[in-house]
Every structure is written in C-alpha cells, then in structure tokens.
PDB file of N, CA and C in Angstrom:
ATOM      1  N   MET A   1      83.266  95.293  69.515  1.00  0.00           N
ATOM      2  CA  MET A   1      83.881  95.987  70.640  1.00  0.00           C
ATOM      3  C   MET A   1      83.853  95.113  71.895  1.00  0.00           C
ATOM      4  N   MET A   2      82.757  94.401  72.098  1.00  0.00           N
ATOM      5  CA  MET A   2      82.635  93.576  73.289  1.00  0.00           C
ATOM      6  C   MET A   2      83.635  92.423  73.274  1.00  0.00           C
ATOM      7  N   GLU A   3      83.909  91.866  72.109  1.00  0.00           N
ATOM      8  CA  GLU A   3      84.879  90.778  72.021  1.00  0.00           C
ATOM      9  C   GLU A   3      86.273  91.252  72.390  1.00  0.00           C
ATOM     10  N   ILE A   4      86.628  92.455  71.996  1.00  0.00           N
ATOM     11  CA  ILE A   4      87.954  92.982  72.295  1.00  0.00           C
ATOM     12  C   ILE A   4      88.134  93.122  73.806  1.00  0.00           C
ATOM     13  N   LEU A   5      87.113  93.654  74.484  1.00  0.00           N
ATOM     14  CA  LEU A   5      87.200  93.780  75.936  1.00  0.00           C
ATOM     15  C   LEU A   5      87.302  92.418  76.613  1.00  0.00           C
ATOM     16  N   GLU A   6      86.604  91.433  76.084  1.00  0.00           N
ATOM     17  CA  GLU A   6      86.703  90.088  76.659  1.00  0.00           C
ATOM     18  C   GLU A   6      88.101  89.526  76.496  1.00  0.00           C
ATOM     19  N   TYR A   7      88.694  89.698  75.319  1.00  0.00           N
ATOM     20  CA  TYR A   7      90.050  89.192  75.096  1.00  0.00           C
ATOM     21  C   TYR A   7      91.063  89.905  75.988  1.00  0.00           C
ATOM     22  N   ILE A   8      90.892  91.213  76.146  1.00  0.00           N
ATOM     23  CA  ILE A   8      91.768  91.959  77.050  1.00  0.00           C
ATOM     24  C   ILE A   8      91.554  91.474  78.483  1.00  0.00           C
ATOM     25  N   GLY A   9      90.310  91.218  78.858  1.00  0.00           N
ATOM     26  CA  GLY A   9      90.006  90.698  80.188  1.00  0.00           C
ATOM     27  C   GLY A   9      90.636  89.343  80.430  1.00  0.00           C
ATOM     28  N   TYR A  10      90.562  88.463  79.436  1.00  0.00           N
ATOM     29  CA  TYR A  10      91.193  87.149  79.588  1.00  0.00           C
ATOM     30  C   TYR A  10      92.708  87.279  79.706  1.00  0.00           C
ATOM     31  N   ALA A  11      93.294  88.237  78.986  1.00  0.00           N
ATOM     32  CA  ALA A  11      94.740  88.465  79.095  1.00  0.00           C
ATOM     33  C   ALA A  11      95.089  88.948  80.501  1.00  0.00           C
ATOM     34  N   PHE A  12      94.265  89.838  81.064  1.00  0.00           N
ATOM     35  CA  PHE A  12      94.502  90.300  82.429  1.00  0.00           C
ATOM     36  C   PHE A  12      94.387  89.155  83.422  1.00  0.00           C
ATOM     37  N   VAL A  13      93.410  88.293  83.246  1.00  0.00           N
ATOM     38  CA  VAL A  13      93.254  87.142  84.147  1.00  0.00           C
ATOM     39  C   VAL A  13      94.470  86.220  84.042  1.00  0.00           C
ATOM     40  N   LEU A  14      94.959  85.992  82.835  1.00  0.00           N
ATOM     41  CA  LEU A  14      96.148  85.157  82.645  1.00  0.00           C
ATOM     42  C   LEU A  14      97.371  85.792  83.296  1.00  0.00           C
ATOM     43  N   ILE A  15      97.571  87.084  83.079  1.00  0.00           N
ATOM     44  CA  ILE A  15      98.707  87.784  83.687  1.00  0.00           C
ATOM     45  C   ILE A  15      98.598  87.740  85.211  1.00  0.00           C
ATOM     46  N   GLY A  16      97.395  87.938  85.727  1.00  0.00           N
ATOM     47  CA  GLY A  16      97.187  87.860  87.173  1.00  0.00           C
ATOM     48  C   GLY A  16      97.498  86.479  87.723  1.00  0.00           C
ATOM     49  N   GLY A  17      97.095  85.457  86.999  1.00  0.00           N
ATOM     50  CA  GLY A  17      97.406  84.088  87.432  1.00  0.00           C
ATOM     51  C   GLY A  17      98.903  83.822  87.452  1.00  0.00           C
ATOM     52  N   ILE A  18      99.604  84.362  86.465  1.00  0.00           N
ATOM     53  CA  ILE A  18     101.066  84.201  86.430  1.00  0.00           C
ATOM     54  C   ILE A  18     101.709  84.914  87.619  1.00  0.00           C
ATOM     55  N   PHE A  19     101.267  86.144  87.900  1.00  0.00           N
ATOM     56  CA  PHE A  19     101.798  86.873  89.054  1.00  0.00           C
ATOM     57  C   PHE A  19     101.525  86.114  90.353  1.00  0.00           C
ATOM     58  N   LEU A  20     100.323  85.591  90.513  1.00  0.00           N
ATOM     59  CA  LEU A  20      99.995  84.856  91.733  1.00  0.00           C
ATOM     60  C   LEU A  20     100.833  83.590  91.866  1.00  0.00           C
ATOM     61  N   PHE A  21     101.061  82.899  90.755  1.00  0.00           N
ATOM     62  CA  PHE A  21     101.913  81.706  90.790  1.00  0.00           C
ATOM     63  C   PHE A  21     103.338  82.070  91.181  1.00  0.00           C
ATOM     64  N   LEU A  22     103.884  83.141  90.565  1.00  0.00           N
ATOM     65  CA  LEU A  22     105.254  83.545  90.886  1.00  0.00           C
ATOM     66  C   LEU A  22     105.368  84.024  92.332  1.00  0.00           C
ATOM     67  N   GLY A  23     104.313  84.656  92.856  1.00  0.00           N
ATOM     68  CA  GLY A  23     104.325  85.062  94.254  1.00  0.00           C
ATOM     69  C   GLY A  23     104.356  83.875  95.189  1.00  0.00           C
ATOM     70  N   SER A  24     103.584  82.850  94.875  1.00  0.00           N
ATOM     71  CA  SER A  24     103.594  81.657  95.722  1.00  0.00           C
ATOM     72  C   SER A  24     104.934  80.931  95.620  1.00  0.00           C
ATOM     73  N   LEU A  25     105.529  80.948  94.449  1.00  0.00           N
ATOM     74  CA  LEU A  25     106.861  80.366  94.287  1.00  0.00           C
ATOM     75  C   LEU A  25     107.893  81.150  95.087  1.00  0.00           C
ATOM     76  N   GLY A  26     107.764  82.483  95.089  1.00  0.00           N
ATOM     77  CA  GLY A  26     108.669  83.312  95.877  1.00  0.00           C
ATOM     78  C   GLY A  26     108.523  83.068  97.370  1.00  0.00           C
ATOM     79  N   ILE A  27     107.299  82.885  97.831  1.00  0.00           N
ATOM     80  CA  ILE A  27     107.081  82.588  99.247  1.00  0.00           C
ATOM     81  C   ILE A  27     107.733  81.249  99.610  1.00  0.00           C
ATOM     82  N   TYR A  28     107.644  80.295  98.719  1.00  0.00           N
ATOM     83  CA  TYR A  28     108.229  78.978  98.963  1.00  0.00           C
ATOM     84  C   TYR A  28     109.762  79.025  98.964  1.00  0.00           C
ATOM     85  N   ARG A  29     110.344  79.825  98.065  1.00  0.00           N
ATOM     86  CA  ARG A  29     111.784  79.790  97.859  1.00  0.00           C
ATOM     87  C   ARG A  29     112.600  80.748  98.731  1.00  0.00           C
ATOM     88  N   MET A  30     112.008  81.799  99.247  1.00  0.00           N
ATOM     89  CA  MET A  30     112.776  82.808  99.977  1.00  0.00           C
ATOM     90  C   MET A  30     113.190  82.303 101.360  1.00  0.00           C
ATOM     91  N   PRO A  31     114.345  82.792 101.867  1.00  0.00           N
ATOM     92  CA  PRO A  31     114.917  82.209 103.083  1.00  0.00           C
ATOM     93  C   PRO A  31     114.323  82.696 104.401  1.00  0.00           C
ATOM     94  N   ASP A  32     113.771  83.906 104.461  1.00  0.00           N
ATOM     95  CA  ASP A  32     113.295  84.397 105.752  1.00  0.00           C
ATOM     96  C   ASP A  32     111.964  85.118 105.598  1.00  0.00           C
ATOM     97  N   VAL A  33     111.404  85.528 106.731  1.00  0.00           N
ATOM     98  CA  VAL A  33     110.066  86.107 106.746  1.00  0.00           C
ATOM     99  C   VAL A  33     110.009  87.424 105.974  1.00  0.00           C
ATOM    100  N   TYR A  34     111.062  88.209 106.007  1.00  0.00           N
ATOM    101  CA  TYR A  34     111.049  89.507 105.346  1.00  0.00           C
ATOM    102  C   TYR A  34     111.058  89.365 103.820  1.00  0.00           C
ATOM    103  N   ASN A  35     111.886  88.470 103.322  1.00  0.00           N
ATOM    104  CA  ASN A  35     111.905  88.222 101.878  1.00  0.00           C
ATOM    105  C   ASN A  35     110.605  87.583 101.409  1.00  0.00           C
ATOM    106  N   ARG A  36     110.078  86.686 102.189  1.00  0.00           N
ATOM    107  CA  ARG A  36     108.807  86.053 101.835  1.00  0.00           C
ATOM    108  C   ARG A  36     107.676  87.067 101.829  1.00  0.00           C
ATOM    109  N   LEU A  37     107.697  87.957 102.783  1.00  0.00           N
ATOM    110  CA  LEU A  37     106.683  89.001 102.864  1.00  0.00           C
ATOM    111  C   LEU A  37     106.740  89.911 101.648  1.00  0.00           C
ATOM    112  N   GLN A  38     107.935  90.282 101.256  1.00  0.00           N
ATOM    113  CA  GLN A  38     108.104  91.158 100.094  1.00  0.00           C
ATOM    114  C   GLN A  38     107.674  90.456  98.809  1.00  0.00           C
ATOM    115  N   ALA A  39     108.099  89.207  98.642  1.00  0.00           N
ATOM    116  CA  ALA A  39     107.739  88.467  97.426  1.00  0.00           C
ATOM    117  C   ALA A  39     106.239  88.229  97.355  1.00  0.00           C
ATOM    118  N   GLY A  40     105.660  87.866  98.461  1.00  0.00           N
ATOM    119  CA  GLY A  40     104.225  87.592  98.471  1.00  0.00           C
ATOM    120  C   GLY A  40     103.379  88.830  98.281  1.00  0.00           C
ATOM    121  N   THR A  41     103.791  89.935  98.850  1.00  0.00           N
ATOM    122  CA  THR A  41     102.986  91.149  98.766  1.00  0.00           C
ATOM    123  C   THR A  41     102.986  91.737  97.365  1.00  0.00           C
ATOM    124  N   LYS A  42     104.153  91.890  96.789  1.00  0.00           N
ATOM    125  CA  LYS A  42     104.206  92.484  95.448  1.00  0.00           C
ATOM    126  C   LYS A  42     103.456  91.633  94.435  1.00  0.00           C
ATOM    127  N   ALA A  43     103.704  90.352  94.461  1.00  0.00           N
ATOM    128  CA  ALA A  43     103.073  89.491  93.472  1.00  0.00           C
ATOM    129  C   ALA A  43     101.580  89.332  93.717  1.00  0.00           C
ATOM    130  N   SER A  44     101.188  89.222  94.969  1.00  0.00           N
ATOM    131  CA  SER A  44      99.750  89.056  95.214  1.00  0.00           C
ATOM    132  C   SER A  44      98.986  90.339  94.921  1.00  0.00           C
ATOM    133  N   THR A  45      99.604  91.478  95.157  1.00  0.00           N
ATOM    134  CA  THR A  45      98.944  92.737  94.822  1.00  0.00           C
ATOM    135  C   THR A  45      98.730  92.840  93.323  1.00  0.00           C
ATOM    136  N   MET A  46      99.779  92.640  92.558  1.00  0.00           N
ATOM    137  CA  MET A  46      99.649  92.728  91.097  1.00  0.00           C
ATOM    138  C   MET A  46      98.776  91.613  90.545  1.00  0.00           C
ATOM    139  N   GLY A  47      98.908  90.416  91.099  1.00  0.00           N
ATOM    140  CA  GLY A  47      98.119  89.295  90.609  1.00  0.00           C
ATOM    141  C   GLY A  47      96.635  89.460  90.880  1.00  0.00           C
ATOM    142  N   ALA A  48      96.309  89.837  92.099  1.00  0.00           N
ATOM    143  CA  ALA A  48      94.894  90.022  92.435  1.00  0.00           C
ATOM    144  C   ALA A  48      94.296  91.191  91.668  1.00  0.00           C
ATOM    145  N   MET A  49      95.050  92.288  91.553  1.00  0.00           N
ATOM    146  CA  MET A  49      94.534  93.448  90.826  1.00  0.00           C
ATOM    147  C   MET A  49      94.308  93.110  89.355  1.00  0.00           C
ATOM    148  N   SER A  50      95.250  92.416  88.743  1.00  0.00           N
ATOM    149  CA  SER A  50      95.102  92.053  87.331  1.00  0.00           C
ATOM    150  C   SER A  50      93.939  91.093  87.116  1.00  0.00           C
ATOM    151  N   THR A  51      93.832  90.098  87.975  1.00  0.00           N
ATOM    152  CA  THR A  51      92.752  89.124  87.844  1.00  0.00           C
ATOM    153  C   THR A  51      91.387  89.782  88.020  1.00  0.00           C
ATOM    154  N   ILE A  52      91.262  90.619  89.027  1.00  0.00           N
ATOM    155  CA  ILE A  52      89.973  91.254  89.288  1.00  0.00           C
ATOM    156  C   ILE A  52      89.624  92.250  88.189  1.00  0.00           C
ATOM    157  N   MET A  53      90.610  92.983  87.685  1.00  0.00           N
ATOM    158  CA  MET A  53      90.337  93.896  86.562  1.00  0.00           C
ATOM    159  C   MET A  53      89.946  93.115  85.315  1.00  0.00           C
ATOM    160  N   GLY A  54      90.560  91.958  85.129  1.00  0.00           N
ATOM    161  CA  GLY A  54      90.179  91.110  84.006  1.00  0.00           C
ATOM    162  C   GLY A  54      88.736  90.656  84.096  1.00  0.00           C
ATOM    163  N   VAL A  55      88.311  90.294  85.282  1.00  0.00           N
ATOM    164  CA  VAL A  55      86.905  89.914  85.478  1.00  0.00           C
ATOM    165  C   VAL A  55      85.997  91.102  85.194  1.00  0.00           C
ATOM    166  N   GLY A  56      86.423  92.294  85.611  1.00  0.00           N
ATOM    167  CA  GLY A  56      85.639  93.495  85.340  1.00  0.00           C
ATOM    168  C   GLY A  56      85.529  93.796  83.862  1.00  0.00           C
ATOM    169  N   LEU A  57      86.552  93.463  83.095  1.00  0.00           N
ATOM    170  CA  LEU A  57      86.494  93.676  81.647  1.00  0.00           C
ATOM    171  C   LEU A  57      85.675  92.593  80.954  1.00  0.00           C
ATOM    172  N   ILE A  58      85.723  91.390  81.474  1.00  0.00           N
ATOM    173  CA  ILE A  58      84.931  90.307  80.886  1.00  0.00           C
ATOM    174  C   ILE A  58      83.448  90.527  81.164  1.00  0.00           C
ATOM    175  N   GLN A  59      83.110  90.944  82.374  1.00  0.00           N
ATOM    176  CA  GLN A  59      81.726  91.227  82.763  1.00  0.00           C
ATOM    177  C   GLN A  59      81.591  92.738  83.005  1.00  0.00           C
ATOM    178  N   PRO A  60      81.293  93.526  81.980  1.00  0.00           N
ATOM    179  CA  PRO A  60      81.286  94.991  82.140  1.00  0.00           C
ATOM    180  C   PRO A  60      80.307  95.509  83.192  1.00  0.00           C
ATOM    181  N   GLU A  61      79.255  94.783  83.478  1.00  0.00           N
ATOM    182  CA  GLU A  61      78.322  95.253  84.501  1.00  0.00           C
ATOM    183  C   GLU A  61      78.930  95.184  85.907  1.00  0.00           C
ATOM    184  N   TRP A  62      80.016  94.466  86.079  1.00  0.00           N
ATOM    185  CA  TRP A  62      80.705  94.375  87.353  1.00  0.00           C
ATOM    186  C   TRP A  62      81.889  95.328  87.446  1.00  0.00           C
ATOM    187  N   PHE A  63      82.162  96.086  86.390  1.00  0.00           N
ATOM    188  CA  PHE A  63      83.402  96.852  86.318  1.00  0.00           C
ATOM    189  C   PHE A  63      83.555  97.831  87.484  1.00  0.00           C
ATOM    190  N   PHE A  64      82.506  98.553  87.836  1.00  0.00           N
ATOM    191  CA  PHE A  64      82.618  99.528  88.927  1.00  0.00           C
ATOM    192  C   PHE A  64      82.946  98.843  90.249  1.00  0.00           C
ATOM    193  N   LYS A  65      82.318  97.705  90.512  1.00  0.00           N
ATOM    194  CA  LYS A  65      82.588  96.966  91.750  1.00  0.00           C
ATOM    195  C   LYS A  65      84.020  96.444  91.774  1.00  0.00           C
ATOM    196  N   THR A  66      84.489  95.936  90.636  1.00  0.00           N
ATOM    197  CA  THR A  66      85.860  95.425  90.588  1.00  0.00           C
ATOM    198  C   THR A  66      86.869  96.563  90.726  1.00  0.00           C
ATOM    199  N   LEU A  67      86.550  97.727  90.214  1.00  0.00           N
ATOM    200  CA  LEU A  67      87.434  98.883  90.360  1.00  0.00           C
ATOM    201  C   LEU A  67      87.571  99.279  91.835  1.00  0.00           C
ATOM    202  N   ILE A  68      86.481  99.237  92.578  1.00  0.00           N
ATOM    203  CA  ILE A  68      86.526  99.535  94.014  1.00  0.00           C
ATOM    204  C   ILE A  68      87.378  98.501  94.748  1.00  0.00           C
ATOM    205  N   ILE A  69      87.232  97.243  94.374  1.00  0.00           N
ATOM    206  CA  ILE A  69      88.034  96.184  95.005  1.00  0.00           C
ATOM    207  C   ILE A  69      89.514  96.375  94.695  1.00  0.00           C
ATOM    208  N   VAL A  70      89.842  96.745  93.456  1.00  0.00           N
ATOM    209  CA  VAL A  70      91.240  96.970  93.075  1.00  0.00           C
ATOM    210  C   VAL A  70      91.836  98.129  93.871  1.00  0.00           C
ATOM    211  N   ILE A  71      91.074  99.198  94.051  1.00  0.00           N
ATOM    212  CA  ILE A  71      91.566 100.329  94.842  1.00  0.00           C
ATOM    213  C   ILE A  71      91.803  99.895  96.288  1.00  0.00           C
ATOM    214  N   PHE A  72      90.887  99.115  96.838  1.00  0.00           N
ATOM    215  CA  PHE A  72      91.062  98.614  98.205  1.00  0.00           C
ATOM    216  C   PHE A  72      92.316  97.749  98.317  1.00  0.00           C
ATOM    217  N   ILE A  73      92.552  96.880  97.360  1.00  0.00           N
ATOM    218  CA  ILE A  73      93.738  96.021  97.377  1.00  0.00           C
ATOM    219  C   ILE A  73      95.003  96.858  97.269  1.00  0.00           C
ATOM    220  N   ALA A  74      94.977  97.885  96.419  1.00  0.00           N
ATOM    221  CA  ALA A  74      96.156  98.739  96.249  1.00  0.00           C
ATOM    222  C   ALA A  74      96.505  99.472  97.530  1.00  0.00           C
ATOM    223  N   ILE A  75      95.526  99.730  98.373  1.00  0.00           N
ATOM    224  CA  ILE A  75      95.784 100.412  99.645  1.00  0.00           C
ATOM    225  C   ILE A  75      96.084  99.403 100.759  1.00  0.00           C
ATOM    226  N   ALA A  76      95.311  98.344 100.844  1.00  0.00           N
ATOM    227  CA  ALA A  76      95.381  97.433 101.994  1.00  0.00           C
ATOM    228  C   ALA A  76      96.589  96.504 101.967  1.00  0.00           C
ATOM    229  N   ASN A  77      96.968  95.968 100.818  1.00  0.00           N
ATOM    230  CA  ASN A  77      98.078  95.010 100.781  1.00  0.00           C
ATOM    231  C   ASN A  77      99.405  95.609 101.244  1.00  0.00           C
ATOM    232  N   PRO A  78      99.827  96.753 100.728  1.00  0.00           N
ATOM    233  CA  PRO A  78     101.093  97.315 101.235  1.00  0.00           C
ATOM    234  C   PRO A  78     101.043  97.687 102.715  1.00  0.00           C
ATOM    235  N   LEU A  79      99.911  98.204 103.167  1.00  0.00           N
ATOM    236  CA  LEU A  79      99.799  98.550 104.586  1.00  0.00           C
ATOM    237  C   LEU A  79      99.877  97.320 105.473  1.00  0.00           C
ATOM    238  N   SER A  80      99.204  96.263 105.072  1.00  0.00           N
ATOM    239  CA  SER A  80      99.231  95.050 105.892  1.00  0.00           C
ATOM    240  C   SER A  80     100.613  94.399 105.886  1.00  0.00           C
ATOM    241  N   SER A  81     101.300  94.417 104.762  1.00  0.00           N
ATOM    242  CA  SER A  81     102.642  93.827 104.732  1.00  0.00           C
ATOM    243  C   SER A  81     103.611  94.656 105.566  1.00  0.00           C
ATOM    244  N   HIS A  82     103.441  95.982 105.570  1.00  0.00           N
ATOM    245  CA  HIS A  82     104.281  96.821 106.423  1.00  0.00           C
ATOM    246  C   HIS A  82     104.045  96.487 107.896  1.00  0.00           C
ATOM    247  N   ALA A  83     102.799  96.328 108.281  1.00  0.00           N
ATOM    248  CA  ALA A  83     102.482  95.997 109.666  1.00  0.00           C
ATOM    249  C   ALA A  83     103.045  94.630 110.043  1.00  0.00           C
ATOM    250  N   LEU A  84     102.950  93.666 109.147  1.00  0.00           N
ATOM    251  CA  LEU A  84     103.506  92.337 109.425  1.00  0.00           C
ATOM    252  C   LEU A  84     105.027  92.381 109.543  1.00  0.00           C
ATOM    253  N   GLY A  85     105.679  93.126 108.648  1.00  0.00           N
ATOM    254  CA  GLY A  85     107.135  93.252 108.708  1.00  0.00           C
ATOM    255  C   GLY A  85     107.597  93.948 109.975  1.00  0.00           C
ATOM    256  N   ARG A  86     106.892  94.993 110.356  1.00  0.00           N
ATOM    257  CA  ARG A  86     107.234  95.707 111.589  1.00  0.00           C
ATOM    258  C   ARG A  86     107.014  94.814 112.813  1.00  0.00           C
ATOM    259  N   GLY A  87     105.939  94.061 112.810  1.00  0.00           N
ATOM    260  CA  GLY A  87     105.698  93.139 113.912  1.00  0.00           C
ATOM    261  C   GLY A  87     106.757  92.048 113.985  1.00  0.00           C
ATOM    262  N   ALA A  88     107.186  91.567 112.835  1.00  0.00           N
ATOM    263  CA  ALA A  88     108.238  90.548 112.818  1.00  0.00           C
ATOM    264  C   ALA A  88     109.547  91.123 113.344  1.00  0.00           C
ATOM    265  N   TYR A  89     109.836  92.366 112.998  1.00  0.00           N
ATOM    266  CA  TYR A  89     111.057  92.996 113.495  1.00  0.00           C
ATOM    267  C   TYR A  89     110.981  93.207 115.004  1.00  0.00           C
ATOM    268  N   ARG A  90     109.836  93.647 115.485  1.00  0.00           N
ATOM    269  CA  ARG A  90     109.679  93.860 116.928  1.00  0.00           C
ATOM    270  C   ARG A  90     109.687  92.540 117.702  1.00  0.00           C
ATOM    271  N   ALA A  91     109.327  91.453 117.043  1.00  0.00           N
ATOM    272  CA  ALA A  91     109.393  90.135 117.680  1.00  0.00           C
ATOM    273  C   ALA A  91     110.795  89.540 117.582  1.00  0.00           C
ATOM    274  N   SER A  92     111.736  90.332 117.089  1.00  0.00           N
ATOM    275  CA  SER A  92     113.158  89.968 116.984  1.00  0.00           C
ATOM    276  C   SER A  92     113.410  88.798 116.046  1.00  0.00           C
ATOM    277  N   LEU A  93     112.625  88.700 114.986  1.00  0.00           N
ATOM    278  CA  LEU A  93     112.927  87.703 113.960  1.00  0.00           C
ATOM    279  C   LEU A  93     114.079  88.240 113.125  1.00  0.00           C
ATOM    280  N   THR A  94     115.156  87.487 113.090  1.00  0.00           N
ATOM    281  CA  THR A  94     116.349  87.983 112.407  1.00  0.00           C
ATOM    282  C   THR A  94     116.267  87.682 110.919  1.00  0.00           C
ATOM    283  N   PRO A  95     116.657  88.662 110.109  1.00  0.00           N
ATOM    284  CA  PRO A  95     116.694  88.417 108.671  1.00  0.00           C
ATOM    285  C   PRO A  95     117.908  87.578 108.286  1.00  0.00           C
ATOM    286  N   PHE A  96     117.776  86.889 107.180  1.00  0.00           N
ATOM    287  CA  PHE A  96     118.877  86.109 106.632  1.00  0.00           C
ATOM    288  C   PHE A  96     119.826  87.088 105.956  1.00  0.00           C
ATOM    289  N   MET A  97     121.059  87.192 106.468  1.00  0.00           N
ATOM    290  CA  MET A  97     122.025  88.133 105.895  1.00  0.00           C
ATOM    291  C   MET A  97     123.396  87.490 105.819  1.00  0.00           C
ATOM    292  N   LYS A  98     124.085  87.799 104.751  1.00  0.00           N
ATOM    293  CA  LYS A  98     125.474  87.378 104.663  1.00  0.00           C
ATOM    294  C   LYS A  98     126.355  88.346 105.446  1.00  0.00           C
ATOM    295  N   LYS A  99     125.986  89.627 105.420  1.00  0.00           N
ATOM    296  CA  LYS A  99     126.707  90.632 106.206  1.00  0.00           C
ATOM    297  C   LYS A  99     125.767  91.159 107.273  1.00  0.00           C
ATOM    298  N   LYS A 100     126.298  91.451 108.437  1.00  0.00           N
ATOM    299  CA  LYS A 100     125.482  91.977 109.527  1.00  0.00           C
ATOM    300  C   LYS A 100     125.292  93.483 109.325  1.00  0.00           C
ATOM    301  N   MET A 101     124.067  93.862 108.950  1.00  0.00           N
ATOM    302  CA  MET A 101     123.762  95.264 108.735  1.00  0.00           C
ATOM    303  C   MET A 101     122.297  95.478 109.087  1.00  0.00           C
ATOM    304  N   ASP A 102     122.028  96.429 109.959  1.00  0.00           N
ATOM    305  CA  ASP A 102     120.666  96.720 110.361  1.00  0.00           C
ATOM    306  C   ASP A 102     120.526  98.221 110.547  1.00  0.00           C
ATOM    307  N   ALA A 103     120.083  98.909 109.512  1.00  0.00           N
ATOM    308  CA  ALA A 103     119.957 100.358 109.560  1.00  0.00           C
ATOM    309  C   ALA A 103     118.800 100.790 110.445  1.00  0.00           C
ATOM    310  N   TYR A 104     117.828  99.949 110.636  1.00  0.00           N
ATOM    311  CA  TYR A 104     116.647 100.292 111.424  1.00  0.00           C
ATOM    312  C   TYR A 104     116.895 100.085 112.919  1.00  0.00           C
ATOM    313  N   ASP A 105     117.958  99.359 113.277  1.00  0.00           N
ATOM    314  CA  ASP A 105     118.220  99.017 114.672  1.00  0.00           C
ATOM    315  C   ASP A 105     118.412 100.257 115.537  1.00  0.00           C
ATOM    316  N   LYS A 106     119.240 101.205 115.103  1.00  0.00           N
ATOM    317  CA  LYS A 106     119.481 102.422 115.886  1.00  0.00           C
ATOM    318  C   LYS A 106     118.194 103.216 116.069  1.00  0.00           C
ATOM    319  N   GLU A 107     117.438 103.360 115.010  1.00  0.00           N
ATOM    320  CA  GLU A 107     116.184 104.122 115.067  1.00  0.00           C
ATOM    321  C   GLU A 107     115.175 103.450 115.999  1.00  0.00           C
ATOM    322  N   PHE A 108     115.107 102.148 115.946  1.00  0.00           N
ATOM    323  CA  PHE A 108     114.150 101.407 116.772  1.00  0.00           C
ATOM    324  C   PHE A 108     114.495 101.544 118.246  1.00  0.00           C
ATOM    325  N   HIS A 109     115.752 101.370 118.585  1.00  0.00           N
ATOM    326  CA  HIS A 109     116.142 101.431 119.992  1.00  0.00           C
ATOM    327  C   HIS A 109     116.115 102.873 120.525  1.00  0.00           C
ATOM    328  N   GLN A 110     116.366 103.835 119.665  1.00  0.00           N
ATOM    329  CA  GLN A 110     116.315 105.229 120.080  1.00  0.00           C
ATOM    330  C   GLN A 110     114.874 105.631 120.421  1.00  0.00           C
ATOM    331  N   ASN A 111     113.905 105.191 119.617  1.00  0.00           N
ATOM    332  CA  ASN A 111     112.497 105.496 119.882  1.00  0.00           C
ATOM    333  C   ASN A 111     111.970 104.716 121.079  1.00  0.00           C
ATOM    334  N   LYS A 112     112.540 103.569 121.344  1.00  0.00           N
ATOM    335  CA  LYS A 112     112.084 102.746 122.458  1.00  0.00           C
ATOM    336  C   LYS A 112     112.457 103.391 123.796  1.00  0.00           C
ATOM    337  N   GLU A 113     113.593 104.108 123.833  1.00  0.00           N
ATOM    338  CA  GLU A 113     114.035 104.750 125.069  1.00  0.00           C
ATOM    339  C   GLU A 113     113.181 105.954 125.419  1.00  0.00           C
ATOM    340  N   ASP A 114     112.567 106.605 124.425  1.00  0.00           N
ATOM    341  CA  ASP A 114     111.763 107.804 124.678  1.00  0.00           C
ATOM    342  C   ASP A 114     110.484 107.528 125.389  1.00  0.00           C
TER     343      ASP A 114
END
C-alpha cells in the first residue's frame, strides 16, 4: 500500500512540475501583463498544489501540513492575481488587443465619480 501512495505522489510531483514549466513558458510568451498574470496564476496554482500534494503522499506524516498549504494556495493565488490585475488596470496599463473593447471601463469610471 505504501508503494502505491509513493508512486501516486511521484506522479503528482511530475504533473506539478509540468504545470509550473508551462506556466513559466506562458509568462514568457504572453504579450501583456493581463495575459501573463492569467497564465502564471492558473499554472502556478495547479503546479504548486500538485507538487505539494505529491510530497504529502510521498511522506504521509506530512500530509496534514501539505493539505493546509494546498488550501491556502487555493485561496491566496486567485485573490492575489485579482488584486494585481485590478492594480494594473487602475495604473492604466493597456491590454494587448486587436479590437478596442473594454467592458470594465464604464463600470470603473462610473464608480470613480461616486
């Protein structure tokens, strides 16, 4: 039974490493801050969660601690990326667009006047 959990843990670590690599590739390849933020957040969340869960499966005595870390990552990464994206928008960083479309512009300026 212990060998099976170790093999599953190693698979999770491998999958996490692949996600982290693809996230870093996405950060390198994307044209603007918003796309980079999205690529980095999704991949780093899944990559870190998979890697840490894999470590928890490989070392069962650490499983509870790794589970707490995974829950923290699942909450903190999306919140932090939202805050960074909102800050970038408020700093007037323009997204790379082929067509000019900004659905958030009206809402942002309407709330600013209040």
